[in-house]
Amino acid sequence: MNAVSLTLILAGVLLNAVAQLLLKAGTNAVGHFEFHLDNLVPVGLKLAFQPFIMGGMVCYAVSLVVWIMALSRVPVSIAYPMLSIGYVINAFVAWQWLGEALAAQKLLGIGLIVVGVVLVTRS
């Protein structure tokens, strides 16, 4: 895999991870909600105009374009497993930024993911 392909894959993964984190921050800002017919419009508008959610949607849109460019250069059997790097990024950022737990069992799972991605990229 050349440098451009790797850069596109990592950029796509990073944008996707940032999108998830922004969406979570946006839902934290909005708070818990239920969709019902009577509150569909107010809750929908609240979510649609929440800045973190808007940023997450932009990151998703850009990540889609970057990911398509990456897939045009790299076999999907190599590119797709690289998406799991996003889980590693999200786990650590969510721990630092959102105060989510990062227990030993989760760390072990993250280690297995990293080993798996290394094995797939070396094949």
Protein backbone atom coordinates (compact mmCIF):
# COMPACT_ATOMS: atom_id res chain seq x y z
CA MET A 1 0.00 0.00 0.00
CA ASN A 2 1.46 3.36 -0.98
CA ALA A 3 1.51 6.56 1.09
CA VAL A 4 -1.47 8.16 -0.68
CA SER A 5 -3.65 5.08 -0.14
CA LEU A 6 -2.69 4.82 3.51
CA THR A 7 -3.29 8.54 4.03
CA LEU A 8 -6.75 8.30 2.45
CA ILE A 9 -7.68 5.30 4.59
CA LEU A 10 -6.45 6.90 7.80
CA ALA A 11 -8.15 10.21 6.95
CA GLY A 12 -11.42 8.39 6.27
CA VAL A 13 -11.16 6.46 9.52
CA LEU A 14 -10.27 9.57 11.51
CA LEU A 15 -13.12 11.60 10.00
CA ASN A 16 -15.55 8.79 10.76
CA ALA A 17 -14.30 8.58 14.36
CA VAL A 18 -14.57 12.35 14.80
CA ALA A 19 -18.11 12.22 13.39
CA GLN A 20 -19.12 9.65 16.01
CA LEU A 21 -17.60 11.68 18.83
CA LEU A 22 -19.30 14.88 17.66
CA LEU A 23 -22.66 13.12 17.39
CA LYS A 24 -22.24 11.82 20.95
CA ALA A 25 -21.29 15.27 22.22
CA GLY A 26 -24.35 16.66 20.45
CA THR A 27 -26.70 14.13 22.01
CA ASN A 28 -25.13 14.84 25.40
CA ALA A 29 -25.86 18.54 24.87
CA VAL A 30 -29.46 17.85 23.83
CA GLY A 31 -30.06 15.33 26.59
CA HIS A 32 -32.18 12.19 26.67
CA PHE A 33 -35.19 12.33 24.38
CA GLU A 34 -37.94 10.16 23.01
CA PHE A 35 -39.41 10.54 19.55
CA HIS A 36 -43.18 10.68 19.59
CA LEU A 37 -45.51 12.05 16.98
CA ASP A 38 -46.21 15.12 19.11
CA ASN A 39 -42.53 16.03 19.61
CA LEU A 40 -41.07 14.84 16.30
CA VAL A 41 -40.65 18.33 14.86
CA PRO A 42 -39.30 20.11 17.98
CA VAL A 43 -36.83 17.33 18.83
CA GLY A 44 -35.87 16.92 15.18
CA LEU A 45 -35.13 20.64 14.86
CA LYS A 46 -33.22 20.66 18.14
CA LEU A 47 -31.02 17.82 16.87
CA ALA A 48 -30.69 19.22 13.34
CA PHE A 49 -29.39 22.57 14.56
CA GLN A 50 -27.18 21.34 17.40
CA PRO A 51 -23.62 22.46 16.42
CA PHE A 52 -21.87 19.21 17.40
CA ILE A 53 -24.39 17.16 15.44
CA MET A 54 -24.03 19.44 12.42
CA GLY A 55 -20.24 19.02 12.65
CA GLY A 56 -20.63 15.25 12.89
CA MET A 57 -22.78 15.17 9.77
CA VAL A 58 -20.21 17.25 7.88
CA CYS A 59 -17.45 14.87 8.99
CA TYR A 60 -19.52 11.91 7.78
CA ALA A 61 -20.06 13.53 4.38
CA VAL A 62 -16.38 14.31 3.92
CA SER A 63 -15.37 10.85 5.21
CA LEU A 64 -17.62 9.26 2.59
CA VAL A 65 -15.83 11.09 -0.22
CA VAL A 66 -12.40 10.26 1.21
CA TRP A 67 -13.41 6.62 1.76
CA ILE A 68 -14.58 6.26 -1.86
CA MET A 69 -11.22 7.63 -3.00
CA ALA A 70 -9.45 5.11 -0.73
CA LEU A 71 -11.55 2.20 -2.02
CA SER A 72 -10.59 3.12 -5.59
CA ARG A 73 -6.97 2.40 -4.66
CA VAL A 74 -7.06 -0.38 -2.05
CA PRO A 75 -8.83 -3.76 -1.98
CA VAL A 76 -11.87 -3.70 0.30
CA SER A 77 -10.51 -6.76 2.13
CA ILE A 78 -7.67 -4.53 3.38
CA ALA A 79 -9.47 -1.18 3.66
CA TYR A 80 -12.56 -2.32 5.56
CA PRO A 81 -10.73 -3.90 8.53
CA MET A 82 -8.86 -0.60 8.93
CA LEU A 83 -12.17 0.97 10.00
CA SER A 84 -11.74 -0.79 13.33
CA ILE A 85 -8.93 1.67 14.09
CA GLY A 86 -11.79 4.11 14.60
CA TYR A 87 -12.92 2.08 17.61
CA VAL A 88 -9.47 2.43 19.14
CA ILE A 89 -9.47 6.19 18.55
CA ASN A 90 -13.01 6.59 19.86
CA ALA A 91 -12.39 4.56 23.01
CA PHE A 92 -9.45 6.71 24.07
CA VAL A 93 -10.96 10.06 23.07
CA ALA A 94 -14.29 9.19 24.72
CA TRP A 95 -12.38 8.28 27.87
CA GLN A 96 -10.53 11.61 27.89
CA TRP A 97 -13.20 13.95 26.48
CA LEU A 98 -16.48 12.38 27.56
CA GLY A 99 -15.39 10.61 30.75
CA GLU A 100 -16.37 7.14 29.51
CA ALA A 101 -14.89 4.10 31.26
CA LEU A 102 -11.84 2.34 29.86
CA ALA A 103 -11.55 -0.90 31.85
CA ALA A 104 -8.93 -3.63 31.49
CA GLN A 105 -11.25 -5.85 29.45
CA LYS A 106 -11.86 -3.04 26.96
CA LEU A 107 -8.11 -2.38 26.74
CA LEU A 108 -7.51 -6.06 26.01
CA GLY A 109 -10.11 -5.93 23.23
CA ILE A 110 -8.47 -2.81 21.79
CA GLY A 111 -5.13 -4.62 21.80
CA LEU A 112 -6.66 -7.52 19.87
CA ILE A 113 -8.10 -5.09 17.33
CA VAL A 114 -4.71 -3.48 16.81
CA VAL A 115 -3.07 -6.89 16.32
CA GLY A 116 -5.79 -7.86 13.85
CA VAL A 117 -5.36 -4.67 11.80
CA VAL A 118 -1.59 -5.19 11.68
CA LEU A 119 -2.05 -8.79 10.50
CA VAL A 120 -4.54 -7.78 7.80
CA THR A 121 -2.38 -4.95 6.45
CA ARG A 122 0.66 -7.24 6.25
CA SER A 123 -1.17 -9.87 4.21
